[in-house]
Amino acid sequence: MSKWDKLLKRIYSLSKDFRFEELRKVLESYGYQMNAPKGGSSHYTFRKAGCQPITIPKHEPIKKVYVEMVKQIVESEEKNSENTR
């Protein structure tokens, strides 16, 4: 099993030990761009044209609610890629 597959498996199981950089890697692989916070905030916003932005605080470990948001994005992206085949 590749590192990518292991990472997606952890997302689907809603693992509680996610790091910010792991979620960043997943979101950027689906075309989201990270916008750095302004004014000392720890919340980073990820944007993609035609999609809702997602804001994730850079705290370790990442709270489950943010992992759930990324899981929904992964499921949506995979569903869209199946429809385009």
PDB file of N, CA and C in Angstrom:
ATOM      1  N   MET A   1       0.854  -1.178   0.000  1.00  0.00           N
ATOM      2  CA  MET A   1       0.000   0.000   0.000  1.00  0.00           C
ATOM      3  C   MET A   1       0.900   1.241   0.000  1.00  0.00           C
ATOM      4  N   SER A   2       0.620   2.174  -0.894  1.00  0.00           N
ATOM      5  CA  SER A   2       1.433   3.385  -1.004  1.00  0.00           C
ATOM      6  C   SER A   2       1.157   4.351   0.158  1.00  0.00           C
ATOM      7  N   LYS A   3       2.044   5.326   0.305  1.00  0.00           N
ATOM      8  CA  LYS A   3       1.857   6.329   1.358  1.00  0.00           C
ATOM      9  C   LYS A   3       0.550   7.092   1.150  1.00  0.00           C
ATOM     10  N   TRP A   4       0.239   7.383  -0.118  1.00  0.00           N
ATOM     11  CA  TRP A   4      -0.996   8.103  -0.438  1.00  0.00           C
ATOM     12  C   TRP A   4      -2.210   7.294  -0.005  1.00  0.00           C
ATOM     13  N   ASP A   5      -2.202   5.980  -0.312  1.00  0.00           N
ATOM     14  CA  ASP A   5      -3.318   5.119   0.069  1.00  0.00           C
ATOM     15  C   ASP A   5      -3.473   5.054   1.584  1.00  0.00           C
ATOM     16  N   LYS A   6      -2.363   4.996   2.294  1.00  0.00           N
ATOM     17  CA  LYS A   6      -2.407   4.969   3.759  1.00  0.00           C
ATOM     18  C   LYS A   6      -2.983   6.277   4.304  1.00  0.00           C
ATOM     19  N   LEU A   7      -2.590   7.375   3.674  1.00  0.00           N
ATOM     20  CA  LEU A   7      -3.093   8.675   4.105  1.00  0.00           C
ATOM     21  C   LEU A   7      -4.607   8.766   3.897  1.00  0.00           C
ATOM     22  N   LEU A   8      -5.082   8.320   2.740  1.00  0.00           N
ATOM     23  CA  LEU A   8      -6.525   8.338   2.477  1.00  0.00           C
ATOM     24  C   LEU A   8      -7.271   7.395   3.418  1.00  0.00           C
ATOM     25  N   LYS A   9      -6.669   6.263   3.726  1.00  0.00           N
ATOM     26  CA  LYS A   9      -7.300   5.314   4.655  1.00  0.00           C
ATOM     27  C   LYS A   9      -7.474   5.957   6.028  1.00  0.00           C
ATOM     28  N   ARG A  10      -6.461   6.717   6.472  1.00  0.00           N
ATOM     29  CA  ARG A  10      -6.556   7.407   7.763  1.00  0.00           C
ATOM     30  C   ARG A  10      -7.642   8.476   7.736  1.00  0.00           C
ATOM     31  N   ILE A  11      -7.796   9.131   6.585  1.00  0.00           N
ATOM     32  CA  ILE A  11      -8.865  10.141   6.468  1.00  0.00           C
ATOM     33  C   ILE A  11     -10.222   9.468   6.568  1.00  0.00           C
ATOM     34  N   TYR A  12     -10.406   8.362   5.840  1.00  0.00           N
ATOM     35  CA  TYR A  12     -11.701   7.674   5.866  1.00  0.00           C
ATOM     36  C   TYR A  12     -12.022   7.121   7.255  1.00  0.00           C
ATOM     37  N   SER A  13     -11.005   6.762   8.028  1.00  0.00           N
ATOM     38  CA  SER A  13     -11.256   6.248   9.377  1.00  0.00           C
ATOM     39  C   SER A  13     -11.335   7.373  10.407  1.00  0.00           C
ATOM     40  N   LEU A  14     -11.193   8.626   9.938  1.00  0.00           N
ATOM     41  CA  LEU A  14     -11.248   9.818  10.804  1.00  0.00           C
ATOM     42  C   LEU A  14     -10.248   9.724  11.955  1.00  0.00           C
ATOM     43  N   SER A  15      -9.035   9.395  11.595  1.00  0.00           N
ATOM     44  CA  SER A  15      -7.951   9.276  12.572  1.00  0.00           C
ATOM     45  C   SER A  15      -7.806  10.576  13.365  1.00  0.00           C
ATOM     46  N   LYS A  16      -7.431  10.454  14.628  1.00  0.00           N
ATOM     47  CA  LYS A  16      -7.321  11.627  15.503  1.00  0.00           C
ATOM     48  C   LYS A  16      -5.905  12.193  15.560  1.00  0.00           C
ATOM     49  N   ASP A  17      -4.966  11.588  14.848  1.00  0.00           N
ATOM     50  CA  ASP A  17      -3.582  12.052  14.953  1.00  0.00           C
ATOM     51  C   ASP A  17      -3.065  12.681  13.660  1.00  0.00           C
ATOM     52  N   PHE A  18      -3.925  13.416  12.969  1.00  0.00           N
ATOM     53  CA  PHE A  18      -3.514  14.080  11.739  1.00  0.00           C
ATOM     54  C   PHE A  18      -2.706  15.322  12.038  1.00  0.00           C
ATOM     55  N   ARG A  19      -1.735  15.563  11.179  1.00  0.00           N
ATOM     56  CA  ARG A  19      -0.957  16.798  11.253  1.00  0.00           C
ATOM     57  C   ARG A  19      -1.455  17.739  10.161  1.00  0.00           C
ATOM     58  N   PHE A  20      -1.257  19.020  10.370  1.00  0.00           N
ATOM     59  CA  PHE A  20      -1.697  20.038   9.425  1.00  0.00           C
ATOM     60  C   PHE A  20      -1.094  19.781   8.047  1.00  0.00           C
ATOM     61  N   GLU A  21       0.190  19.461   8.004  1.00  0.00           N
ATOM     62  CA  GLU A  21       0.877  19.266   6.725  1.00  0.00           C
ATOM     63  C   GLU A  21       0.295  18.105   5.927  1.00  0.00           C
ATOM     64  N   GLU A  22      -0.219  17.099   6.596  1.00  0.00           N
ATOM     65  CA  GLU A  22      -0.843  15.972   5.893  1.00  0.00           C
ATOM     66  C   GLU A  22      -2.136  16.408   5.211  1.00  0.00           C
ATOM     67  N   LEU A  23      -2.956  17.162   5.917  1.00  0.00           N
ATOM     68  CA  LEU A  23      -4.199  17.649   5.317  1.00  0.00           C
ATOM     69  C   LEU A  23      -3.900  18.636   4.191  1.00  0.00           C
ATOM     70  N   ARG A  24      -2.865  19.431   4.386  1.00  0.00           N
ATOM     71  CA  ARG A  24      -2.450  20.372   3.338  1.00  0.00           C
ATOM     72  C   ARG A  24      -2.069  19.614   2.065  1.00  0.00           C
ATOM     73  N   LYS A  25      -1.312  18.545   2.226  1.00  0.00           N
ATOM     74  CA  LYS A  25      -0.884  17.740   1.082  1.00  0.00           C
ATOM     75  C   LYS A  25      -2.085  17.180   0.322  1.00  0.00           C
ATOM     76  N   VAL A  26      -3.069  16.688   1.050  1.00  0.00           N
ATOM     77  CA  VAL A  26      -4.262  16.117   0.422  1.00  0.00           C
ATOM     78  C   VAL A  26      -5.036  17.199  -0.331  1.00  0.00           C
ATOM     79  N   LEU A  27      -5.284  18.328   0.320  1.00  0.00           N
ATOM     80  CA  LEU A  27      -6.050  19.395  -0.317  1.00  0.00           C
ATOM     81  C   LEU A  27      -5.331  19.947  -1.551  1.00  0.00           C
ATOM     82  N   GLU A  28      -4.027  20.141  -1.453  1.00  0.00           N
ATOM     83  CA  GLU A  28      -3.280  20.665  -2.595  1.00  0.00           C
ATOM     84  C   GLU A  28      -3.236  19.666  -3.743  1.00  0.00           C
ATOM     85  N   SER A  29      -3.273  18.379  -3.445  1.00  0.00           N
ATOM     86  CA  SER A  29      -3.270  17.377  -4.514  1.00  0.00           C
ATOM     87  C   SER A  29      -4.574  17.408  -5.311  1.00  0.00           C
ATOM     88  N   TYR A  30      -5.650  17.925  -4.709  1.00  0.00           N
ATOM     89  CA  TYR A  30      -6.928  18.058  -5.398  1.00  0.00           C
ATOM     90  C   TYR A  30      -7.122  19.461  -5.977  1.00  0.00           C
ATOM     91  N   GLY A  31      -6.069  20.257  -6.014  1.00  0.00           N
ATOM     92  CA  GLY A  31      -6.127  21.555  -6.671  1.00  0.00           C
ATOM     93  C   GLY A  31      -6.446  22.739  -5.784  1.00  0.00           C
ATOM     94  N   TYR A  32      -6.524  22.544  -4.493  1.00  0.00           N
ATOM     95  CA  TYR A  32      -6.777  23.660  -3.573  1.00  0.00           C
ATOM     96  C   TYR A  32      -5.478  24.430  -3.362  1.00  0.00           C
ATOM     97  N   GLN A  33      -5.598  25.746  -3.221  1.00  0.00           N
ATOM     98  CA  GLN A  33      -4.449  26.591  -2.944  1.00  0.00           C
ATOM     99  C   GLN A  33      -4.578  27.157  -1.548  1.00  0.00           C
ATOM    100  N   MET A  34      -3.464  27.118  -0.813  1.00  0.00           N
ATOM    101  CA  MET A  34      -3.470  27.594   0.563  1.00  0.00           C
ATOM    102  C   MET A  34      -3.208  29.091   0.596  1.00  0.00           C
ATOM    103  N   ASN A  35      -4.021  29.806   1.355  1.00  0.00           N
ATOM    104  CA  ASN A  35      -3.824  31.232   1.596  1.00  0.00           C
ATOM    105  C   ASN A  35      -3.374  31.395   3.039  1.00  0.00           C
ATOM    106  N   ALA A  36      -2.225  32.041   3.218  1.00  0.00           N
ATOM    107  CA  ALA A  36      -1.695  32.252   4.559  1.00  0.00           C
ATOM    108  C   ALA A  36      -2.547  33.265   5.314  1.00  0.00           C
ATOM    109  N   PRO A  37      -2.625  33.107   6.623  1.00  0.00           N
ATOM    110  CA  PRO A  37      -3.429  34.044   7.427  1.00  0.00           C
ATOM    111  C   PRO A  37      -2.775  35.420   7.491  1.00  0.00           C
ATOM    112  N   LYS A  38      -3.595  36.405   7.756  1.00  0.00           N
ATOM    113  CA  LYS A  38      -3.097  37.773   7.896  1.00  0.00           C
ATOM    114  C   LYS A  38      -3.216  38.177   9.358  1.00  0.00           C
ATOM    115  N   GLY A  39      -2.255  38.907   9.830  1.00  0.00           N
ATOM    116  CA  GLY A  39      -2.338  39.481  11.160  1.00  0.00           C
ATOM    117  C   GLY A  39      -2.139  38.507  12.304  1.00  0.00           C
ATOM    118  N   GLY A  40      -1.304  37.487  12.123  1.00  0.00           N
ATOM    119  CA  GLY A  40      -0.958  36.603  13.221  1.00  0.00           C
ATOM    120  C   GLY A  40      -1.947  35.496  13.522  1.00  0.00           C
ATOM    121  N   SER A  41      -2.922  35.284  12.681  1.00  0.00           N
ATOM    122  CA  SER A  41      -3.885  34.214  12.896  1.00  0.00           C
ATOM    123  C   SER A  41      -3.245  32.865  12.588  1.00  0.00           C
ATOM    124  N   SER A  42      -3.805  31.807  13.136  1.00  0.00           N
ATOM    125  CA  SER A  42      -3.289  30.457  12.880  1.00  0.00           C
ATOM    126  C   SER A  42      -4.210  29.684  11.939  1.00  0.00           C
ATOM    127  N   HIS A  43      -5.204  30.356  11.366  1.00  0.00           N
ATOM    128  CA  HIS A  43      -6.173  29.699  10.493  1.00  0.00           C
ATOM    129  C   HIS A  43      -5.806  29.913   9.019  1.00  0.00           C
ATOM    130  N   TYR A  44      -5.604  28.802   8.320  1.00  0.00           N
ATOM    131  CA  TYR A  44      -5.251  28.836   6.905  1.00  0.00           C
ATOM    132  C   TYR A  44      -6.485  28.485   6.081  1.00  0.00           C
ATOM    133  N   THR A  45      -6.685  29.205   4.976  1.00  0.00           N
ATOM    134  CA  THR A  45      -7.831  28.963   4.111  1.00  0.00           C
ATOM    135  C   THR A  45      -7.352  28.329   2.816  1.00  0.00           C
ATOM    136  N   PHE A  46      -8.048  27.266   2.414  1.00  0.00           N
ATOM    137  CA  PHE A  46      -7.752  26.571   1.164  1.00  0.00           C
ATOM    138  C   PHE A  46      -8.896  26.858   0.204  1.00  0.00           C
ATOM    139  N   ARG A  47      -8.534  27.287  -1.015  1.00  0.00           N
ATOM    140  CA  ARG A  47      -9.543  27.661  -2.008  1.00  0.00           C
ATOM    141  C   ARG A  47      -9.302  26.926  -3.323  1.00  0.00           C
ATOM    142  N   LYS A  48     -10.418  26.637  -3.992  1.00  0.00           N
ATOM    143  CA  LYS A  48     -10.394  26.050  -5.324  1.00  0.00           C
ATOM    144  C   LYS A  48     -11.569  26.633  -6.082  1.00  0.00           C
ATOM    145  N   ALA A  49     -11.332  26.998  -7.330  1.00  0.00           N
ATOM    146  CA  ALA A  49     -12.392  27.603  -8.145  1.00  0.00           C
ATOM    147  C   ALA A  49     -13.596  26.675  -8.218  1.00  0.00           C
ATOM    148  N   GLY A  50     -14.769  27.227  -7.952  1.00  0.00           N
ATOM    149  CA  GLY A  50     -16.004  26.465  -8.031  1.00  0.00           C
ATOM    150  C   GLY A  50     -16.317  25.632  -6.798  1.00  0.00           C
ATOM    151  N   CYS A  51     -15.504  25.744  -5.766  1.00  0.00           N
ATOM    152  CA  CYS A  51     -15.708  24.961  -4.530  1.00  0.00           C
ATOM    153  C   CYS A  51     -15.741  25.889  -3.321  1.00  0.00           C
ATOM    154  N   GLN A  52     -16.385  25.403  -2.275  1.00  0.00           N
ATOM    155  CA  GLN A  52     -16.419  26.139  -1.014  1.00  0.00           C
ATOM    156  C   GLN A  52     -15.007  26.192  -0.428  1.00  0.00           C
ATOM    157  N   PRO A  53     -14.597  27.349   0.104  1.00  0.00           N
ATOM    158  CA  PRO A  53     -13.300  27.391   0.788  1.00  0.00           C
ATOM    159  C   PRO A  53     -13.370  26.620   2.106  1.00  0.00           C
ATOM    160  N   ILE A  54     -12.228  26.120   2.536  1.00  0.00           N
ATOM    161  CA  ILE A  54     -12.157  25.406   3.810  1.00  0.00           C
ATOM    162  C   ILE A  54     -11.056  26.054   4.641  1.00  0.00           C
ATOM    163  N   THR A  55     -11.365  26.354   5.894  1.00  0.00           N
ATOM    164  CA  THR A  55     -10.409  26.992   6.797  1.00  0.00           C
ATOM    165  C   THR A  55     -10.024  26.003   7.882  1.00  0.00           C
ATOM    166  N   ILE A  56      -8.706  25.824   8.050  1.00  0.00           N
ATOM    167  CA  ILE A  56      -8.188  24.866   9.019  1.00  0.00           C
ATOM    168  C   ILE A  56      -7.156  25.565   9.900  1.00  0.00           C
ATOM    169  N   PRO A  57      -7.302  25.467  11.222  1.00  0.00           N
ATOM    170  CA  PRO A  57      -6.289  26.045  12.106  1.00  0.00           C
ATOM    171  C   PRO A  57      -5.047  25.158  12.133  1.00  0.00           C
ATOM    172  N   LYS A  58      -3.900  25.795  12.230  1.00  0.00           N
ATOM    173  CA  LYS A  58      -2.642  25.044  12.246  1.00  0.00           C
ATOM    174  C   LYS A  58      -2.291  24.709  13.698  1.00  0.00           C
ATOM    175  N   HIS A  59      -3.013  23.743  14.241  1.00  0.00           N
ATOM    176  CA  HIS A  59      -2.775  23.233  15.587  1.00  0.00           C
ATOM    177  C   HIS A  59      -2.555  21.734  15.473  1.00  0.00           C
ATOM    178  N   GLU A  60      -1.754  21.192  16.342  1.00  0.00           N
ATOM    179  CA  GLU A  60      -1.494  19.753  16.324  1.00  0.00           C
ATOM    180  C   GLU A  60      -2.070  19.129  17.588  1.00  0.00           C
ATOM    181  N   PRO A  61      -2.757  18.019  17.527  1.00  0.00           N
ATOM    182  CA  PRO A  61      -3.278  17.380  16.326  1.00  0.00           C
ATOM    183  C   PRO A  61      -4.505  18.129  15.821  1.00  0.00           C
ATOM    184  N   ILE A  62      -4.851  17.874  14.571  1.00  0.00           N
ATOM    185  CA  ILE A  62      -6.007  18.521  13.950  1.00  0.00           C
ATOM    186  C   ILE A  62      -7.283  17.924  14.554  1.00  0.00           C
ATOM    187  N   LYS A  63      -8.237  18.774  14.862  1.00  0.00           N
ATOM    188  CA  LYS A  63      -9.501  18.285  15.422  1.00  0.00           C
ATOM    189  C   LYS A  63     -10.277  17.473  14.388  1.00  0.00           C
ATOM    190  N   LYS A  64     -11.066  16.556  14.891  1.00  0.00           N
ATOM    191  CA  LYS A  64     -11.819  15.614  14.053  1.00  0.00           C
ATOM    192  C   LYS A  64     -12.730  16.323  13.056  1.00  0.00           C
ATOM    193  N   VAL A  65     -13.312  17.438  13.436  1.00  0.00           N
ATOM    194  CA  VAL A  65     -14.247  18.150  12.560  1.00  0.00           C
ATOM    195  C   VAL A  65     -13.559  18.580  11.268  1.00  0.00           C
ATOM    196  N   TYR A  66     -12.286  18.957  11.334  1.00  0.00           N
ATOM    197  CA  TYR A  66     -11.557  19.377  10.139  1.00  0.00           C
ATOM    198  C   TYR A  66     -11.190  18.177   9.275  1.00  0.00           C
ATOM    199  N   VAL A  67     -10.887  17.055   9.907  1.00  0.00           N
ATOM    200  CA  VAL A  67     -10.617  15.825   9.153  1.00  0.00           C
ATOM    201  C   VAL A  67     -11.888  15.397   8.423  1.00  0.00           C
ATOM    202  N   GLU A  68     -13.041  15.554   9.064  1.00  0.00           N
ATOM    203  CA  GLU A  68     -14.320  15.226   8.418  1.00  0.00           C
ATOM    204  C   GLU A  68     -14.560  16.106   7.196  1.00  0.00           C
ATOM    205  N   MET A  69     -14.206  17.384   7.287  1.00  0.00           N
ATOM    206  CA  MET A  69     -14.365  18.287   6.141  1.00  0.00           C
ATOM    207  C   MET A  69     -13.506  17.829   4.972  1.00  0.00           C
ATOM    208  N   VAL A  70     -12.267  17.457   5.261  1.00  0.00           N
ATOM    209  CA  VAL A  70     -11.360  17.006   4.204  1.00  0.00           C
ATOM    210  C   VAL A  70     -11.850  15.671   3.643  1.00  0.00           C
ATOM    211  N   LYS A  71     -12.403  14.823   4.492  1.00  0.00           N
ATOM    212  CA  LYS A  71     -12.960  13.551   4.021  1.00  0.00           C
ATOM    213  C   LYS A  71     -14.078  13.802   3.010  1.00  0.00           C
ATOM    214  N   GLN A  72     -14.947  14.754   3.285  1.00  0.00           N
ATOM    215  CA  GLN A  72     -16.032  15.087   2.359  1.00  0.00           C
ATOM    216  C   GLN A  72     -15.478  15.578   1.024  1.00  0.00           C
ATOM    217  N   ILE A  73     -14.410  16.351   1.067  1.00  0.00           N
ATOM    218  CA  ILE A  73     -13.787  16.846  -0.158  1.00  0.00           C
ATOM    219  C   ILE A  73     -13.200  15.685  -0.951  1.00  0.00           C
ATOM    220  N   VAL A  74     -12.500  14.771  -0.273  1.00  0.00           N
ATOM    221  CA  VAL A  74     -11.907  13.608  -0.945  1.00  0.00           C
ATOM    222  C   VAL A  74     -13.001  12.774  -1.605  1.00  0.00           C
ATOM    223  N   GLU A  75     -14.088  12.518  -0.875  1.00  0.00           N
ATOM    224  CA  GLU A  75     -15.192  11.732  -1.431  1.00  0.00           C
ATOM    225  C   GLU A  75     -15.796  12.429  -2.645  1.00  0.00           C
ATOM    226  N   SER A  76     -15.974  13.731  -2.566  1.00  0.00           N
ATOM    227  CA  SER A  76     -16.536  14.497  -3.679  1.00  0.00           C
ATOM    228  C   SER A  76     -15.608  14.464  -4.889  1.00  0.00           C
ATOM    229  N   GLU A  77     -14.315  14.632  -4.666  1.00  0.00           N
ATOM    230  CA  GLU A  77     -13.347  14.621  -5.760  1.00  0.00           C
ATOM    231  C   GLU A  77     -13.287  13.248  -6.420  1.00  0.00           C
ATOM    232  N   GLU A  78     -13.328  12.188  -5.617  1.00  0.00           N
ATOM    233  CA  GLU A  78     -13.279  10.840  -6.180  1.00  0.00           C
ATOM    234  C   GLU A  78     -14.554  10.546  -6.968  1.00  0.00           C
ATOM    235  N   LYS A  79     -15.677  11.031  -6.467  1.00  0.00           N
ATOM    236  CA  LYS A  79     -16.945  10.838  -7.171  1.00  0.00           C
ATOM    237  C   LYS A  79     -16.917  11.569  -8.514  1.00  0.00           C
ATOM    238  N   ASN A  80     -16.379  12.785  -8.519  1.00  0.00           N
ATOM    239  CA  ASN A  80     -16.279  13.558  -9.750  1.00  0.00           C
ATOM    240  C   ASN A  80     -15.337  12.912 -10.748  1.00  0.00           C
ATOM    241  N   SER A  81     -14.245  12.326 -10.268  1.00  0.00           N
ATOM    242  CA  SER A  81     -13.299  11.683 -11.185  1.00  0.00           C
ATOM    243  C   SER A  81     -13.903  10.407 -11.782  1.00  0.00           C
ATOM    244  N   GLU A  82     -14.767   9.728 -11.035  1.00  0.00           N
ATOM    245  CA  GLU A  82     -15.443   8.539 -11.566  1.00  0.00           C
ATOM    246  C   GLU A  82     -16.455   8.937 -12.643  1.00  0.00           C
ATOM    247  N   ASN A  83     -17.104  10.076 -12.448  1.00  0.00           N
ATOM    248  CA  ASN A  83     -18.111  10.534 -13.414  1.00  0.00           C
ATOM    249  C   ASN A  83     -17.484  11.014 -14.725  1.00  0.00           C
ATOM    250  N   THR A  84     -16.239  11.447 -14.675  1.00  0.00           N
ATOM    251  CA  THR A  84     -15.587  11.948 -15.888  1.00  0.00           C
ATOM    252  C   THR A  84     -14.914  10.848 -16.694  1.00  0.00           C
ATOM    253  N   ARG A  85     -14.851   9.657 -16.155  1.00  0.00           N
ATOM    254  CA  ARG A  85     -14.206   8.543 -16.870  1.00  0.00           C
ATOM    255  C   ARG A  85     -15.076   7.974 -17.929  1.00  0.00           C
TER     256      ARG A  85
END
